[in-house]
Structures are given as C-alpha cells and as structure tokens.
C-alpha atoms as a PDB file:
ATOM      1  CA  MET A   1     -18.173  47.458  -1.428  1.00  0.00           C
ATOM      2  CA  ASN A   2     -18.783  45.049  -4.304  1.00  0.00           C
ATOM      3  CA  PHE A   3     -15.039  44.256  -4.516  1.00  0.00           C
ATOM      4  CA  LEU A   4     -14.854  43.511  -0.786  1.00  0.00           C
ATOM      5  CA  THR A   5     -17.948  41.299  -0.912  1.00  0.00           C
ATOM      6  CA  SER A   6     -16.602  39.401  -3.915  1.00  0.00           C
ATOM      7  CA  THR A   7     -13.196  38.957  -2.287  1.00  0.00           C
ATOM      8  CA  LEU A   8     -14.699  37.682   0.966  1.00  0.00           C
ATOM      9  CA  ALA A   9     -17.010  35.305  -0.899  1.00  0.00           C
ATOM     10  CA  GLY A  10     -14.053  33.966  -2.886  1.00  0.00           C
ATOM     11  CA  CYS A  11     -12.010  33.429   0.272  1.00  0.00           C
ATOM     12  CA  ALA A  12     -14.920  31.643   1.944  1.00  0.00           C
ATOM     13  CA  PHE A  13     -15.315  29.378  -1.096  1.00  0.00           C
ATOM     14  CA  LEU A  14     -11.609  28.501  -1.142  1.00  0.00           C
ATOM     15  CA  ALA A  15     -11.587  27.841   2.593  1.00  0.00           C
ATOM     16  CA  SER A  16     -14.619  25.552   2.371  1.00  0.00           C
ATOM     17  CA  ALA A  17     -13.122  23.689  -0.610  1.00  0.00           C
ATOM     18  CA  THR A  18      -9.877  23.190   1.302  1.00  0.00           C
ATOM     19  CA  LEU A  19     -11.738  21.889   4.353  1.00  0.00           C
ATOM     20  CA  ALA A  20     -13.814  19.541   2.221  1.00  0.00           C
ATOM     21  CA  PHE A  21     -10.689  17.845   0.827  1.00  0.00           C
ATOM     22  CA  ALA A  22      -8.568  18.085   3.987  1.00  0.00           C
ATOM     23  CA  ASP A  23      -9.061  14.679   5.553  1.00  0.00           C
ATOM     24  CA  PRO A  24      -6.871  11.617   6.047  1.00  0.00           C
ATOM     25  CA  THR A  25      -8.579   9.498   3.374  1.00  0.00           C
ATOM     26  CA  GLY A  26      -6.071   7.410   1.416  1.00  0.00           C
ATOM     27  CA  HIS A  27      -3.711   4.422   1.258  1.00  0.00           C
ATOM     28  CA  TYR A  28      -0.619   4.457   3.464  1.00  0.00           C
ATOM     29  CA  GLN A  29       2.437   2.294   4.054  1.00  0.00           C
ATOM     30  CA  VAL A  30       2.818   1.493   7.745  1.00  0.00           C
ATOM     31  CA  ASP A  31       6.095   1.123   9.634  1.00  0.00           C
ATOM     32  CA  GLY A  32       5.455   0.052  13.188  1.00  0.00           C
ATOM     33  CA  VAL A  33       7.081  -1.039  16.414  1.00  0.00           C
ATOM     34  CA  ASN A  34       5.188  -3.435  18.692  1.00  0.00           C
ATOM     35  CA  PRO A  35       5.173  -2.858  22.460  1.00  0.00           C
ATOM     36  CA  ASP A  36       7.774  -5.648  22.780  1.00  0.00           C
ATOM     37  CA  GLY A  37      10.140  -3.818  20.392  1.00  0.00           C
ATOM     38  CA  THR A  38       9.685  -6.001  17.303  1.00  0.00           C
ATOM     39  CA  THR A  39       8.987  -4.179  14.043  1.00  0.00           C
ATOM     40  CA  TYR A  40       6.356  -4.714  11.378  1.00  0.00           C
ATOM     41  CA  LYS A  41       5.170  -3.339   8.048  1.00  0.00           C
ATOM     42  CA  ALA A  42       1.624  -3.176   6.710  1.00  0.00           C
ATOM     43  CA  MET A  43      -0.698  -1.174   4.486  1.00  0.00           C
ATOM     44  CA  VAL A  44      -3.643   0.832   5.805  1.00  0.00           C
ATOM     45  CA  LEU A  45      -6.669   2.190   3.968  1.00  0.00           C
ATOM     46  CA  VAL A  46      -8.502   5.134   5.527  1.00  0.00           C
ATOM     47  CA  ALA A  47     -11.968   5.754   4.055  1.00  0.00           C
ATOM     48  CA  LYS A  48     -14.516   8.406   5.054  1.00  0.00           C
ATOM     49  CA  ILE A  49     -17.811   6.824   6.137  1.00  0.00           C
ATOM     50  CA  GLY A  50     -20.317   9.453   7.251  1.00  0.00           C
ATOM     51  CA  ASP A  51     -18.838  11.335  10.212  1.00  0.00           C
ATOM     52  CA  THR A  52     -16.227   8.612  10.864  1.00  0.00           C
ATOM     53  CA  PHE A  53     -13.397   6.851   9.062  1.00  0.00           C
ATOM     54  CA  SER A  54     -13.138   3.159   8.307  1.00  0.00           C
ATOM     55  CA  ILE A  55      -9.619   1.844   8.978  1.00  0.00           C
ATOM     56  CA  THR A  56      -8.461  -1.362   7.252  1.00  0.00           C
ATOM     57  CA  TYR A  57      -4.955  -2.686   7.853  1.00  0.00           C
ATOM     58  CA  THR A  58      -3.590  -5.406   5.570  1.00  0.00           C
ATOM     59  CA  MET A  59      -0.637  -7.230   7.062  1.00  0.00           C
ATOM     60  CA  PRO A  60       2.107  -8.933   4.992  1.00  0.00           C
ATOM     61  CA  ASN A  61       0.498 -12.348   5.642  1.00  0.00           C
ATOM     62  CA  ASP A  62      -2.808 -10.929   4.257  1.00  0.00           C
ATOM     63  CA  ALA A  63      -4.398 -10.800   7.727  1.00  0.00           C
ATOM     64  CA  VAL A  64      -6.865  -7.910   7.965  1.00  0.00           C
ATOM     65  CA  VAL A  65      -7.403  -5.657  10.986  1.00  0.00           C
ATOM     66  CA  LYS A  66     -10.486  -3.416  10.913  1.00  0.00           C
ATOM     67  CA  GLY A  67     -11.320  -0.389  12.970  1.00  0.00           C
ATOM     68  CA  THR A  68     -13.139   2.910  13.160  1.00  0.00           C
ATOM     69  CA  ALA A  69     -11.671   6.369  13.702  1.00  0.00           C
ATOM     70  CA  ILE A  70     -12.888   9.833  14.475  1.00  0.00           C
ATOM     71  CA  GLY A  71     -10.935  12.985  13.750  1.00  0.00           C
ATOM     72  CA  ASP A  72      -9.923  15.330  10.996  1.00  0.00           C
ATOM     73  CA  ASP A  73      -6.899  16.295   8.888  1.00  0.00           C
ATOM     74  CA  THR A  74      -4.662  16.734  11.960  1.00  0.00           C
ATOM     75  CA  VAL A  75      -5.574  13.963  14.419  1.00  0.00           C
ATOM     76  CA  LEU A  76      -7.268  10.549  14.394  1.00  0.00           C
ATOM     77  CA  SER A  77      -8.456   8.507  17.353  1.00  0.00           C
ATOM     78  CA  LEU A  78      -8.883   4.825  16.422  1.00  0.00           C
ATOM     79  CA  GLY A  79     -10.476   1.779  17.947  1.00  0.00           C
ATOM     80  CA  TYR A  80      -9.809  -1.634  16.385  1.00  0.00           C
ATOM     81  CA  SER A  81     -10.021  -5.373  16.971  1.00  0.00           C
ATOM     82  CA  SER A  82      -7.847  -8.197  15.730  1.00  0.00           C
ATOM     83  CA  ALA A  83      -7.966 -11.913  16.535  1.00  0.00           C
ATOM     84  CA  GLY A  84      -9.773 -11.337  19.817  1.00  0.00           C
ATOM     85  CA  ASP A  85      -7.635  -8.346  20.851  1.00  0.00           C
ATOM     86  CA  THR A  86      -9.123  -4.864  21.109  1.00  0.00           C
ATOM     87  CA  GLY A  87      -7.021  -1.731  20.969  1.00  0.00           C
ATOM     88  CA  VAL A  88      -6.847   2.006  20.587  1.00  0.00           C
ATOM     89  CA  ALA A  89      -4.528   4.333  18.694  1.00  0.00           C
ATOM     90  CA  LEU A  90      -3.911   8.042  18.460  1.00  0.00           C
ATOM     91  CA  MET A  91      -2.415   9.326  15.197  1.00  0.00           C
ATOM     92  CA  TYR A  92      -1.406  12.878  14.308  1.00  0.00           C
ATOM     93  CA  ARG A  93      -0.335  14.474  11.042  1.00  0.00           C
ATOM     94  CA  ASP A  94       3.351  15.350  10.899  1.00  0.00           C
ATOM     95  CA  GLY A  95       3.934  17.111   7.595  1.00  0.00           C
ATOM     96  CA  ASP A  96       3.266  14.593   4.817  1.00  0.00           C
ATOM     97  CA  ARG A  97       2.989  11.572   7.130  1.00  0.00           C
ATOM     98  CA  TRP A  98       1.024  10.383  10.153  1.00  0.00           C
ATOM     99  CA  GLN A  99       2.636   9.306  13.415  1.00  0.00           C
ATOM    100  CA  GLY A 100       1.170   7.869  16.549  1.00  0.00           C
ATOM    101  CA  VAL A 101       0.954   5.393  19.376  1.00  0.00           C
ATOM    102  CA  TRP A 102      -1.256   2.388  19.988  1.00  0.00           C
ATOM    103  CA  THR A 103      -1.942  -0.265  22.607  1.00  0.00           C
ATOM    104  CA  TYR A 104      -4.150  -3.257  23.343  1.00  0.00           C
ATOM    105  CA  LEU A 105      -6.861  -3.073  25.962  1.00  0.00           C
ATOM    106  CA  GLY A 106      -5.268  -3.762  29.368  1.00  0.00           C
ATOM    107  CA  ALA A 107      -1.668  -3.446  28.121  1.00  0.00           C
ATOM    108  CA  LYS A 108       0.993  -1.449  29.962  1.00  0.00           C
ATOM    109  CA  LYS A 109       3.247  -0.532  27.020  1.00  0.00           C
ATOM    110  CA  LEU A 110       2.756   1.369  23.779  1.00  0.00           C
ATOM    111  CA  GLY A 111       3.539   0.549  20.190  1.00  0.00           C
ATOM    112  CA  THR A 112       4.318   3.223  17.588  1.00  0.00           C
ATOM    113  CA  GLU A 113       3.395   3.690  13.930  1.00  0.00           C
ATOM    114  CA  THR A 114       4.291   5.925  11.031  1.00  0.00           C
ATOM    115  CA  TRP A 115       2.040   6.104   7.951  1.00  0.00           C
ATOM    116  CA  THR A 116       3.405   7.418   4.655  1.00  0.00           C
ATOM    117  CA  GLU A 117       1.650   7.790   1.300  1.00  0.00           C
END
C-alpha cells in the first residue's frame, strides 16, 4: 500500500508540475496574411498576468499592438486594439507552433497567423 501511495503521489506531483509550466508564455516570430492577402511579419510576446495573458505585438516599423487573451497550452482567444481598430483572434497549438485566424470588428474576411519560437 505504501508503494502505491508513493507512486500515485509522485504521478500527481509530476502532473501538477507539467500543468504549471504548460502555458503559451514566450516570444514568438509571427508570419501572417492579412484579410486582403498581403503578408506581414512581426514578433509577439505572450506573458501570463493573473488568469489572463498579455499579448504585445511589435511590428517591423516598431508599431505596438496590445491585447489580452484567455486560454491555456492548447488554445488562446485574443482581443486587441490597434490604431482605432479592434479585433479578435483564435490561436491553437499545432505541435511546436501556434496557428490561428483573426479579424477586425465588423470585417467579413479573416487573416491568418503562425507563431514560432
């Protein structure tokens, strides 16, 4: 019984340690396609802030786009604003990268993004 209890406690500890570190926090390179088909590159920083994530995009011209996300290590739902535009994005983990779609409020087409570390 002692062996079983020790084994279960060890498994629970490892599982909780894995969950504690399993989040999208980090710096990523962004490859994106705008709804009009033009492409762009950027950097994005994802930082854990309480129960949410702070999202900070830095564009090649040093423009900054800030947002907030909710989610976990498999999916992120983002809201952001930039130069008077407001938008939403949905990102999902695909192996060692993140992929997703985004749009501006009131738009009828989607853009796409891929984040890689």
